[in-house]
Amino acid sequence: MHLGVDVRRVRLVVYIAASILTGLAVSVSGAIGYVGLLVPPRDAFCSLARTIARCCPRRHWGGAIALVLADTLARTVVAPSELPVGAMTALAGAPLFIYLLR
C-alpha cells in the first residue's frame, strides 16, 4: 500500500490468476491432480497430513489412501451408477485450494 499499489485489486487479480492457472493444469492432467494439493509428495513444503499429524512420516501413503477413499465414495454415493473419481477429489481439494490461497 505504501508503494502506491491497490492491494485489494492486486489480491483479487492474483486469486483469479491462480484459480485460472490451477484450472488449466487440472484440465490438462485431470481432476485427480487435486490429490497433489491434499497430499503432496514427501518432500513438499506443506501437506494436509503433516498439518494434521504434526509429523514427517518416512513413507507417505496418504495419496494412495486418499484415492482409495475417493474411489470408494465415487462408487457408493449413487449406487447403481458411478461418479468420476475426480469429482470426489475436487470436492475435497477445492476447499483446501481456497484455504491455501487465503
PDB file of N, CA and C in Angstrom:
ATOM      1  N   MET A   1       0.833  -1.177   0.000  1.00  0.00           N
ATOM      2  CA  MET A   1       0.000   0.000   0.000  1.00  0.00           C
ATOM      3  C   MET A   1       0.886   1.251   0.000  1.00  0.00           C
ATOM      4  N   HIS A   2       2.027   1.162   0.686  1.00  0.00           N
ATOM      5  CA  HIS A   2       2.920   2.314   0.742  1.00  0.00           C
ATOM      6  C   HIS A   2       3.614   2.582  -0.587  1.00  0.00           C
ATOM      7  N   LEU A   3       3.625   1.601  -1.463  1.00  0.00           N
ATOM      8  CA  LEU A   3       4.253   1.770  -2.768  1.00  0.00           C
ATOM      9  C   LEU A   3       3.273   2.261  -3.829  1.00  0.00           C
ATOM     10  N   GLY A   4       2.042   2.541  -3.428  1.00  0.00           N
ATOM     11  CA  GLY A   4       1.056   3.036  -4.363  1.00  0.00           C
ATOM     12  C   GLY A   4       0.295   1.952  -5.097  1.00  0.00           C
ATOM     13  N   VAL A   5       0.291   0.738  -4.547  1.00  0.00           N
ATOM     14  CA  VAL A   5      -0.400  -0.375  -5.176  1.00  0.00           C
ATOM     15  C   VAL A   5      -1.752  -0.567  -4.492  1.00  0.00           C
ATOM     16  N   ASP A   6      -2.777  -0.743  -5.296  1.00  0.00           N
ATOM     17  CA  ASP A   6      -4.101  -1.031  -4.744  1.00  0.00           C
ATOM     18  C   ASP A   6      -4.118  -2.502  -4.319  1.00  0.00           C
ATOM     19  N   VAL A   7      -3.971  -2.738  -3.023  1.00  0.00           N
ATOM     20  CA  VAL A   7      -3.789  -4.094  -2.501  1.00  0.00           C
ATOM     21  C   VAL A   7      -5.008  -4.959  -2.776  1.00  0.00           C
ATOM     22  N   ARG A   8      -6.194  -4.445  -2.608  1.00  0.00           N
ATOM     23  CA  ARG A   8      -7.405  -5.242  -2.854  1.00  0.00           C
ATOM     24  C   ARG A   8      -7.481  -5.694  -4.304  1.00  0.00           C
ATOM     25  N   ARG A   9      -7.159  -4.792  -5.213  1.00  0.00           N
ATOM     26  CA  ARG A   9      -7.219  -5.135  -6.642  1.00  0.00           C
ATOM     27  C   ARG A   9      -6.154  -6.165  -7.000  1.00  0.00           C
ATOM     28  N   VAL A  10      -4.940  -5.974  -6.502  1.00  0.00           N
ATOM     29  CA  VAL A  10      -3.865  -6.921  -6.790  1.00  0.00           C
ATOM     30  C   VAL A  10      -4.194  -8.287  -6.199  1.00  0.00           C
ATOM     31  N   ARG A  11      -4.719  -8.331  -4.982  1.00  0.00           N
ATOM     32  CA  ARG A  11      -5.094  -9.595  -4.357  1.00  0.00           C
ATOM     33  C   ARG A  11      -6.160 -10.307  -5.172  1.00  0.00           C
ATOM     34  N   LEU A  12      -7.147  -9.561  -5.657  1.00  0.00           N
ATOM     35  CA  LEU A  12      -8.202 -10.153  -6.477  1.00  0.00           C
ATOM     36  C   LEU A  12      -7.629 -10.703  -7.782  1.00  0.00           C
ATOM     37  N   VAL A  13      -6.745  -9.949  -8.416  1.00  0.00           N
ATOM     38  CA  VAL A  13      -6.134 -10.395  -9.669  1.00  0.00           C
ATOM     39  C   VAL A  13      -5.300 -11.654  -9.435  1.00  0.00           C
ATOM     40  N   VAL A  14      -4.558 -11.695  -8.333  1.00  0.00           N
ATOM     41  CA  VAL A  14      -3.739 -12.871  -8.031  1.00  0.00           C
ATOM     42  C   VAL A  14      -4.627 -14.082  -7.749  1.00  0.00           C
ATOM     43  N   TYR A  15      -5.706 -13.915  -7.001  1.00  0.00           N
ATOM     44  CA  TYR A  15      -6.631 -15.027  -6.736  1.00  0.00           C
ATOM     45  C   TYR A  15      -7.223 -15.558  -8.040  1.00  0.00           C
ATOM     46  N   ILE A  16      -7.649 -14.666  -8.899  1.00  0.00           N
ATOM     47  CA  ILE A  16      -8.255 -15.090 -10.170  1.00  0.00           C
ATOM     48  C   ILE A  16      -7.210 -15.776 -11.050  1.00  0.00           C
ATOM     49  N   ALA A  17      -6.010 -15.205 -11.117  1.00  0.00           N
ATOM     50  CA  ALA A  17      -4.959 -15.803 -11.942  1.00  0.00           C
ATOM     51  C   ALA A  17      -4.565 -17.176 -11.417  1.00  0.00           C
ATOM     52  N   ALA A  18      -4.428 -17.329 -10.104  1.00  0.00           N
ATOM     53  CA  ALA A  18      -4.078 -18.629  -9.525  1.00  0.00           C
ATOM     54  C   ALA A  18      -5.176 -19.655  -9.785  1.00  0.00           C
ATOM     55  N   SER A  19      -6.418 -19.223  -9.681  1.00  0.00           N
ATOM     56  CA  SER A  19      -7.535 -20.138  -9.945  1.00  0.00           C
ATOM     57  C   SER A  19      -7.567 -20.563 -11.402  1.00  0.00           C
ATOM     58  N   ILE A  20      -7.348 -19.635 -12.308  1.00  0.00           N
ATOM     59  CA  ILE A  20      -7.362 -19.967 -13.736  1.00  0.00           C
ATOM     60  C   ILE A  20      -6.198 -20.892 -14.076  1.00  0.00           C
ATOM     61  N   LEU A  21      -5.008 -20.597 -13.551  1.00  0.00           N
ATOM     62  CA  LEU A  21      -3.856 -21.449 -13.829  1.00  0.00           C
ATOM     63  C   LEU A  21      -4.039 -22.845 -13.259  1.00  0.00           C
ATOM     64  N   THR A  22      -4.611 -22.940 -12.065  1.00  0.00           N
ATOM     65  CA  THR A  22      -4.884 -24.258 -11.492  1.00  0.00           C
ATOM     66  C   THR A  22      -5.927 -24.996 -12.318  1.00  0.00           C
ATOM     67  N   GLY A  23      -6.952 -24.283 -12.752  1.00  0.00           N
ATOM     68  CA  GLY A  23      -7.969 -24.898 -13.606  1.00  0.00           C
ATOM     69  C   GLY A  23      -7.383 -25.405 -14.914  1.00  0.00           C
ATOM     70  N   LEU A  24      -6.467 -24.645 -15.496  1.00  0.00           N
ATOM     71  CA  LEU A  24      -5.817 -25.094 -16.732  1.00  0.00           C
ATOM     72  C   LEU A  24      -4.960 -26.335 -16.478  1.00  0.00           C
ATOM     73  N   ALA A  25      -4.239 -26.338 -15.372  1.00  0.00           N
ATOM     74  CA  ALA A  25      -3.405 -27.502 -15.055  1.00  0.00           C
ATOM     75  C   ALA A  25      -4.267 -28.738 -14.814  1.00  0.00           C
ATOM     76  N   VAL A  26      -5.384 -28.565 -14.130  1.00  0.00           N
ATOM     77  CA  VAL A  26      -6.271 -29.696 -13.857  1.00  0.00           C
ATOM     78  C   VAL A  26      -6.934 -30.168 -15.144  1.00  0.00           C
ATOM     79  N   SER A  27      -7.249 -29.244 -16.051  1.00  0.00           N
ATOM     80  CA  SER A  27      -7.879 -29.661 -17.302  1.00  0.00           C
ATOM     81  C   SER A  27      -6.917 -30.480 -18.161  1.00  0.00           C
ATOM     82  N   VAL A  28      -5.631 -30.237 -18.039  1.00  0.00           N
ATOM     83  CA  VAL A  28      -4.647 -30.997 -18.796  1.00  0.00           C
ATOM     84  C   VAL A  28      -4.347 -32.336 -18.127  1.00  0.00           C
ATOM     85  N   SER A  29      -4.162 -32.307 -16.797  1.00  0.00           N
ATOM     86  CA  SER A  29      -3.727 -33.518 -16.091  1.00  0.00           C
ATOM     87  C   SER A  29      -4.882 -34.351 -15.563  1.00  0.00           C
ATOM     88  N   GLY A  30      -6.035 -33.775 -15.428  1.00  0.00           N
ATOM     89  CA  GLY A  30      -7.179 -34.498 -14.871  1.00  0.00           C
ATOM     90  C   GLY A  30      -7.428 -34.060 -13.439  1.00  0.00           C
ATOM     91  N   ALA A  31      -8.656 -34.217 -13.004  1.00  0.00           N
ATOM     92  CA  ALA A  31      -9.040 -33.720 -11.682  1.00  0.00           C
ATOM     93  C   ALA A  31      -8.427 -34.530 -10.552  1.00  0.00           C
ATOM     94  N   ILE A  32      -7.891 -35.688 -10.848  1.00  0.00           N
ATOM     95  CA  ILE A  32      -7.242 -36.469  -9.797  1.00  0.00           C
ATOM     96  C   ILE A  32      -5.999 -35.746  -9.316  1.00  0.00           C
ATOM     97  N   GLY A  33      -5.523 -34.787 -10.082  1.00  0.00           N
ATOM     98  CA  GLY A  33      -4.374 -33.989  -9.674  1.00  0.00           C
ATOM     99  C   GLY A  33      -4.596 -33.226  -8.385  1.00  0.00           C
ATOM    100  N   TYR A  34      -5.853 -33.076  -7.964  1.00  0.00           N
ATOM    101  CA  TYR A  34      -6.130 -32.435  -6.680  1.00  0.00           C
ATOM    102  C   TYR A  34      -5.517 -33.220  -5.528  1.00  0.00           C
ATOM    103  N   VAL A  35      -5.217 -34.473  -5.732  1.00  0.00           N
ATOM    104  CA  VAL A  35      -4.568 -35.263  -4.684  1.00  0.00           C
ATOM    105  C   VAL A  35      -3.224 -34.636  -4.348  1.00  0.00           C
ATOM    106  N   GLY A  36      -2.594 -34.006  -5.327  1.00  0.00           N
ATOM    107  CA  GLY A  36      -1.341 -33.316  -5.079  1.00  0.00           C
ATOM    108  C   GLY A  36      -1.502 -32.154  -4.122  1.00  0.00           C
ATOM    109  N   LEU A  37      -2.669 -31.540  -4.091  1.00  0.00           N
ATOM    110  CA  LEU A  37      -2.928 -30.494  -3.110  1.00  0.00           C
ATOM    111  C   LEU A  37      -3.253 -31.086  -1.742  1.00  0.00           C
ATOM    112  N   LEU A  38      -4.019 -32.156  -1.747  1.00  0.00           N
ATOM    113  CA  LEU A  38      -4.392 -32.773  -0.481  1.00  0.00           C
ATOM    114  C   LEU A  38      -3.209 -33.430   0.198  1.00  0.00           C
ATOM    115  N   VAL A  39      -2.470 -34.222  -0.564  1.00  0.00           N
ATOM    116  CA  VAL A  39      -1.366 -34.995  -0.012  1.00  0.00           C
ATOM    117  C   VAL A  39      -0.192 -34.911  -0.988  1.00  0.00           C
ATOM    118  N   PRO A  40       0.584 -33.834  -0.932  1.00  0.00           N
ATOM    119  CA  PRO A  40       1.708 -33.723  -1.855  1.00  0.00           C
ATOM    120  C   PRO A  40       2.827 -34.698  -1.509  1.00  0.00           C
ATOM    121  N   PRO A  41       3.832 -34.816  -2.347  1.00  0.00           N
ATOM    122  CA  PRO A  41       4.921 -35.758  -2.073  1.00  0.00           C
ATOM    123  C   PRO A  41       5.618 -35.486  -0.749  1.00  0.00           C
ATOM    124  N   ARG A  42       6.392 -36.452  -0.325  1.00  0.00           N
ATOM    125  CA  ARG A  42       7.025 -36.432   0.988  1.00  0.00           C
ATOM    126  C   ARG A  42       7.895 -35.201   1.206  1.00  0.00           C
ATOM    127  N   ASP A  43       8.545 -34.706   0.192  1.00  0.00           N
ATOM    128  CA  ASP A  43       9.464 -33.592   0.360  1.00  0.00           C
ATOM    129  C   ASP A  43       8.800 -32.233   0.154  1.00  0.00           C
ATOM    130  N   ALA A  44       7.512 -32.208  -0.029  1.00  0.00           N
ATOM    131  CA  ALA A  44       6.828 -30.943  -0.260  1.00  0.00           C
ATOM    132  C   ALA A  44       6.823 -30.091   1.006  1.00  0.00           C
ATOM    133  N   PHE A  45       6.637 -28.806   0.830  1.00  0.00           N
ATOM    134  CA  PHE A  45       6.707 -27.876   1.958  1.00  0.00           C
ATOM    135  C   PHE A  45       5.559 -28.062   2.931  1.00  0.00           C
ATOM    136  N   CYS A  46       4.354 -28.181   2.413  1.00  0.00           N
ATOM    137  CA  CYS A  46       3.204 -28.248   3.304  1.00  0.00           C
ATOM    138  C   CYS A  46       2.226 -29.288   2.784  1.00  0.00           C
ATOM    139  N   SER A  47       1.732 -30.124   3.656  1.00  0.00           N
ATOM    140  CA  SER A  47       0.702 -31.071   3.245  1.00  0.00           C
ATOM    141  C   SER A  47      -0.345 -31.178   4.334  1.00  0.00           C
ATOM    142  N   LEU A  48      -1.501 -31.600   3.931  1.00  0.00           N
ATOM    143  CA  LEU A  48      -2.593 -31.730   4.880  1.00  0.00           C
ATOM    144  C   LEU A  48      -2.268 -32.762   5.947  1.00  0.00           C
ATOM    145  N   ALA A  49      -1.621 -33.845   5.556  1.00  0.00           N
ATOM    146  CA  ALA A  49      -1.277 -34.882   6.533  1.00  0.00           C
ATOM    147  C   ALA A  49      -0.295 -34.364   7.571  1.00  0.00           C
ATOM    148  N   ARG A  50       0.695 -33.599   7.135  1.00  0.00           N
ATOM    149  CA  ARG A  50       1.660 -33.054   8.089  1.00  0.00           C
ATOM    150  C   ARG A  50       1.017 -32.003   8.975  1.00  0.00           C
ATOM    151  N   THR A  51       0.095 -31.241   8.419  1.00  0.00           N
ATOM    152  CA  THR A  51      -0.577 -30.227   9.208  1.00  0.00           C
ATOM    153  C   THR A  51      -1.414 -30.865  10.306  1.00  0.00           C
ATOM    154  N   ILE A  52      -2.099 -31.934   9.973  1.00  0.00           N
ATOM    155  CA  ILE A  52      -2.945 -32.605  10.964  1.00  0.00           C
ATOM    156  C   ILE A  52      -2.103 -33.400  11.948  1.00  0.00           C
ATOM    157  N   ALA A  53      -1.166 -34.182  11.447  1.00  0.00           N
ATOM    158  CA  ALA A  53      -0.423 -35.098  12.303  1.00  0.00           C
ATOM    159  C   ALA A  53       0.786 -34.455  12.971  1.00  0.00           C
ATOM    160  N   ARG A  54       1.210 -33.305  12.486  1.00  0.00           N
ATOM    161  CA  ARG A  54       2.385 -32.619  13.029  1.00  0.00           C
ATOM    162  C   ARG A  54       3.630 -33.501  13.010  1.00  0.00           C
ATOM    163  N   CYS A  55       3.785 -34.278  11.962  1.00  0.00           N
ATOM    164  CA  CYS A  55       4.957 -35.135  11.864  1.00  0.00           C
ATOM    165  C   CYS A  55       5.368 -35.278  10.405  1.00  0.00           C
ATOM    166  N   CYS A  56       6.511 -35.837  10.200  1.00  0.00           N
ATOM    167  CA  CYS A  56       7.011 -36.065   8.851  1.00  0.00           C
ATOM    168  C   CYS A  56       7.238 -37.560   8.673  1.00  0.00           C
ATOM    169  N   PRO A  57       6.260 -38.312   8.175  1.00  0.00           N
ATOM    170  CA  PRO A  57       6.411 -39.760   8.050  1.00  0.00           C
ATOM    171  C   PRO A  57       7.444 -40.138   6.993  1.00  0.00           C
ATOM    172  N   ARG A  58       8.133 -41.249   7.219  1.00  0.00           N
ATOM    173  CA  ARG A  58       9.142 -41.700   6.255  1.00  0.00           C
ATOM    174  C   ARG A  58       8.487 -42.189   4.970  1.00  0.00           C
ATOM    175  N   ARG A  59       7.431 -42.939   5.102  1.00  0.00           N
ATOM    176  CA  ARG A  59       6.689 -43.401   3.922  1.00  0.00           C
ATOM    177  C   ARG A  59       5.350 -42.699   3.900  1.00  0.00           C
ATOM    178  N   HIS A  60       5.080 -42.100   2.788  1.00  0.00           N
ATOM    179  CA  HIS A  60       3.874 -41.285   2.694  1.00  0.00           C
ATOM    180  C   HIS A  60       2.830 -42.031   1.863  1.00  0.00           C
ATOM    181  N   TRP A  61       1.911 -42.668   2.522  1.00  0.00           N
ATOM    182  CA  TRP A  61       0.859 -43.433   1.859  1.00  0.00           C
ATOM    183  C   TRP A  61      -0.436 -42.636   1.750  1.00  0.00           C
ATOM    184  N   GLY A  62      -0.404 -41.371   2.116  1.00  0.00           N
ATOM    185  CA  GLY A  62      -1.620 -40.561   2.135  1.00  0.00           C
ATOM    186  C   GLY A  62      -2.297 -40.431   0.787  1.00  0.00           C
ATOM    187  N   GLY A  63      -1.522 -40.283  -0.295  1.00  0.00           N
ATOM    188  CA  GLY A  63      -2.107 -40.149  -1.623  1.00  0.00           C
ATOM    189  C   GLY A  63      -2.867 -41.388  -2.044  1.00  0.00           C
ATOM    190  N   ALA A  64      -2.283 -42.551  -1.776  1.00  0.00           N
ATOM    191  CA  ALA A  64      -2.955 -43.803  -2.124  1.00  0.00           C
ATOM    192  C   ALA A  64      -4.220 -43.988  -1.302  1.00  0.00           C
ATOM    193  N   ILE A  65      -4.137 -43.684  -0.015  1.00  0.00           N
ATOM    194  CA  ILE A  65      -5.308 -43.820   0.860  1.00  0.00           C
ATOM    195  C   ILE A  65      -6.397 -42.844   0.427  1.00  0.00           C
ATOM    196  N   ALA A  66      -6.009 -41.611   0.099  1.00  0.00           N
ATOM    197  CA  ALA A  66      -6.998 -40.613  -0.328  1.00  0.00           C
ATOM    198  C   ALA A  66      -7.691 -41.045  -1.613  1.00  0.00           C
ATOM    199  N   LEU A  67      -6.950 -41.614  -2.565  1.00  0.00           N
ATOM    200  CA  LEU A  67      -7.571 -42.054  -3.816  1.00  0.00           C
ATOM    201  C   LEU A  67      -8.465 -43.270  -3.612  1.00  0.00           C
ATOM    202  N   VAL A  68      -8.064 -44.181  -2.734  1.00  0.00           N
ATOM    203  CA  VAL A  68      -8.926 -45.343  -2.459  1.00  0.00           C
ATOM    204  C   VAL A  68     -10.232 -44.885  -1.815  1.00  0.00           C
ATOM    205  N   LEU A  69     -10.146 -43.947  -0.868  1.00  0.00           N
ATOM    206  CA  LEU A  69     -11.366 -43.420  -0.248  1.00  0.00           C
ATOM    207  C   LEU A  69     -12.227 -42.674  -1.266  1.00  0.00           C
ATOM    208  N   ALA A  70     -11.594 -41.870  -2.123  1.00  0.00           N
ATOM    209  CA  ALA A  70     -12.348 -41.134  -3.135  1.00  0.00           C
ATOM    210  C   ALA A  70     -13.020 -42.090  -4.120  1.00  0.00           C
ATOM    211  N   ASP A  71     -12.318 -43.154  -4.502  1.00  0.00           N
ATOM    212  CA  ASP A  71     -12.896 -44.132  -5.419  1.00  0.00           C
ATOM    213  C   ASP A  71     -14.057 -44.871  -4.764  1.00  0.00           C
ATOM    214  N   THR A  72     -13.895 -45.225  -3.497  1.00  0.00           N
ATOM    215  CA  THR A  72     -14.976 -45.905  -2.777  1.00  0.00           C
ATOM    216  C   THR A  72     -16.203 -45.011  -2.678  1.00  0.00           C
ATOM    217  N   LEU A  73     -16.000 -43.742  -2.351  1.00  0.00           N
ATOM    218  CA  LEU A  73     -17.129 -42.811  -2.288  1.00  0.00           C
ATOM    219  C   LEU A  73     -17.770 -42.622  -3.656  1.00  0.00           C
ATOM    220  N   ALA A  74     -16.942 -42.521  -4.691  1.00  0.00           N
ATOM    221  CA  ALA A  74     -17.484 -42.317  -6.038  1.00  0.00           C
ATOM    222  C   ALA A  74     -18.340 -43.489  -6.478  1.00  0.00           C
ATOM    223  N   ARG A  75     -17.998 -44.686  -6.033  1.00  0.00           N
ATOM    224  CA  ARG A  75     -18.771 -45.868  -6.428  1.00  0.00           C
ATOM    225  C   ARG A  75     -20.025 -46.071  -5.581  1.00  0.00           C
ATOM    226  N   THR A  76     -20.053 -45.545  -4.366  1.00  0.00           N
ATOM    227  CA  THR A  76     -21.166 -45.834  -3.469  1.00  0.00           C
ATOM    228  C   THR A  76     -22.149 -44.689  -3.270  1.00  0.00           C
ATOM    229  N   VAL A  77     -21.783 -43.467  -3.625  1.00  0.00           N
ATOM    230  CA  VAL A  77     -22.684 -42.328  -3.380  1.00  0.00           C
ATOM    231  C   VAL A  77     -23.975 -42.474  -4.178  1.00  0.00           C
ATOM    232  N   VAL A  78     -23.863 -42.755  -5.454  1.00  0.00           N
ATOM    233  CA  VAL A  78     -25.039 -43.036  -6.288  1.00  0.00           C
ATOM    234  C   VAL A  78     -24.901 -44.484  -6.746  1.00  0.00           C
ATOM    235  N   ALA A  79     -25.464 -45.372  -5.981  1.00  0.00           N
ATOM    236  CA  ALA A  79     -25.193 -46.810  -6.054  1.00  0.00           C
ATOM    237  C   ALA A  79     -25.300 -47.447  -7.445  1.00  0.00           C
ATOM    238  N   PRO A  80     -26.369 -47.296  -8.193  1.00  0.00           N
ATOM    239  CA  PRO A  80     -26.395 -48.028  -9.464  1.00  0.00           C
ATOM    240  C   PRO A  80     -25.344 -47.519 -10.462  1.00  0.00           C
ATOM    241  N   SER A  81     -25.038 -46.243 -10.417  1.00  0.00           N
ATOM    242  CA  SER A  81     -24.050 -45.703 -11.356  1.00  0.00           C
ATOM    243  C   SER A  81     -22.840 -45.182 -10.575  1.00  0.00           C
ATOM    244  N   GLU A  82     -21.844 -44.714 -11.299  1.00  0.00           N
ATOM    245  CA  GLU A  82     -20.617 -44.225 -10.671  1.00  0.00           C
ATOM    246  C   GLU A  82     -20.398 -42.757 -10.983  1.00  0.00           C
ATOM    247  N   LEU A  83     -19.808 -42.070 -10.041  1.00  0.00           N
ATOM    248  CA  LEU A  83     -19.324 -40.719 -10.276  1.00  0.00           C
ATOM    249  C   LEU A  83     -17.854 -40.798 -10.656  1.00  0.00           C
ATOM    250  N   PRO A  84     -17.339 -39.816 -11.355  1.00  0.00           N
ATOM    251  CA  PRO A  84     -15.901 -39.819 -11.627  1.00  0.00           C
ATOM    252  C   PRO A  84     -15.105 -39.637 -10.335  1.00  0.00           C
ATOM    253  N   VAL A  85     -13.977 -40.299 -10.236  1.00  0.00           N
ATOM    254  CA  VAL A  85     -13.133 -40.165  -9.045  1.00  0.00           C
ATOM    255  C   VAL A  85     -12.668 -38.726  -8.906  1.00  0.00           C
ATOM    256  N   GLY A  86     -12.455 -38.075 -10.027  1.00  0.00           N
ATOM    257  CA  GLY A  86     -12.025 -36.685  -9.995  1.00  0.00           C
ATOM    258  C   GLY A  86     -13.029 -35.765  -9.323  1.00  0.00           C
ATOM    259  N   ALA A  87     -14.308 -36.114  -9.399  1.00  0.00           N
ATOM    260  CA  ALA A  87     -15.319 -35.290  -8.730  1.00  0.00           C
ATOM    261  C   ALA A  87     -15.151 -35.353  -7.222  1.00  0.00           C
ATOM    262  N   MET A  88     -14.828 -36.525  -6.715  1.00  0.00           N
ATOM    263  CA  MET A  88     -14.618 -36.665  -5.270  1.00  0.00           C
ATOM    264  C   MET A  88     -13.351 -35.939  -4.812  1.00  0.00           C
ATOM    265  N   THR A  89     -12.285 -36.076  -5.587  1.00  0.00           N
ATOM    266  CA  THR A  89     -11.054 -35.381  -5.196  1.00  0.00           C
ATOM    267  C   THR A  89     -11.211 -33.872  -5.340  1.00  0.00           C
ATOM    268  N   ALA A  90     -12.016 -33.433  -6.308  1.00  0.00           N
ATOM    269  CA  ALA A  90     -12.253 -31.998  -6.464  1.00  0.00           C
ATOM    270  C   ALA A  90     -13.074 -31.457  -5.304  1.00  0.00           C
ATOM    271  N   LEU A  91     -14.042 -32.241  -4.824  1.00  0.00           N
ATOM    272  CA  LEU A  91     -14.830 -31.801  -3.669  1.00  0.00           C
ATOM    273  C   LEU A  91     -13.959 -31.631  -2.433  1.00  0.00           C
ATOM    274  N   ALA A  92     -12.953 -32.452  -2.294  1.00  0.00           N
ATOM    275  CA  ALA A  92     -12.049 -32.324  -1.153  1.00  0.00           C
ATOM    276  C   ALA A  92     -10.952 -31.309  -1.429  1.00  0.00           C
ATOM    277  N   GLY A  93     -10.481 -31.221  -2.668  1.00  0.00           N
ATOM    278  CA  GLY A  93      -9.355 -30.365  -2.985  1.00  0.00           C
ATOM    279  C   GLY A  93      -9.702 -28.900  -3.171  1.00  0.00           C
ATOM    280  N   ALA A  94     -10.893 -28.597  -3.653  1.00  0.00           N
ATOM    281  CA  ALA A  94     -11.267 -27.201  -3.893  1.00  0.00           C
ATOM    282  C   ALA A  94     -11.298 -26.375  -2.614  1.00  0.00           C
ATOM    283  N   PRO A  95     -11.930 -26.844  -1.529  1.00  0.00           N
ATOM    284  CA  PRO A  95     -11.880 -26.050  -0.298  1.00  0.00           C
ATOM    285  C   PRO A  95     -10.458 -25.876   0.234  1.00  0.00           C
ATOM    286  N   LEU A  96      -9.641 -26.922   0.089  1.00  0.00           N
ATOM    287  CA  LEU A  96      -8.256 -26.815   0.539  1.00  0.00           C
ATOM    288  C   LEU A  96      -7.498 -25.809  -0.321  1.00  0.00           C
ATOM    289  N   PHE A  97      -7.764 -25.801  -1.624  1.00  0.00           N
ATOM    290  CA  PHE A  97      -7.129 -24.838  -2.515  1.00  0.00           C
ATOM    291  C   PHE A  97      -7.513 -23.421  -2.131  1.00  0.00           C
ATOM    292  N   ILE A  98      -8.768 -23.201  -1.818  1.00  0.00           N
ATOM    293  CA  ILE A  98      -9.219 -21.873  -1.382  1.00  0.00           C
ATOM    294  C   ILE A  98      -8.535 -21.488  -0.078  1.00  0.00           C
ATOM    295  N   TYR A  99      -8.408 -22.454   0.845  1.00  0.00           N
ATOM    296  CA  TYR A  99      -7.705 -22.197   2.113  1.00  0.00           C
ATOM    297  C   TYR A  99      -6.248 -21.838   1.868  1.00  0.00           C
ATOM    298  N   LEU A 100      -5.578 -22.558   0.966  1.00  0.00           N
ATOM    299  CA  LEU A 100      -4.177 -22.279   0.668  1.00  0.00           C
ATOM    300  C   LEU A 100      -4.009 -20.929  -0.013  1.00  0.00           C
ATOM    301  N   LEU A 101      -4.984 -20.512  -0.822  1.00  0.00           N
ATOM    302  CA  LEU A 101      -4.930 -19.200  -1.442  1.00  0.00           C
ATOM    303  C   LEU A 101      -5.049 -18.084  -0.404  1.00  0.00           C
ATOM    304  N   ARG A 102      -5.867 -18.314   0.582  1.00  0.00           N
ATOM    305  CA  ARG A 102      -6.068 -17.298   1.621  1.00  0.00           C
ATOM    306  C   ARG A 102      -4.846 -17.196   2.474  1.00  0.00           C
TER     307      ARG A 102
END
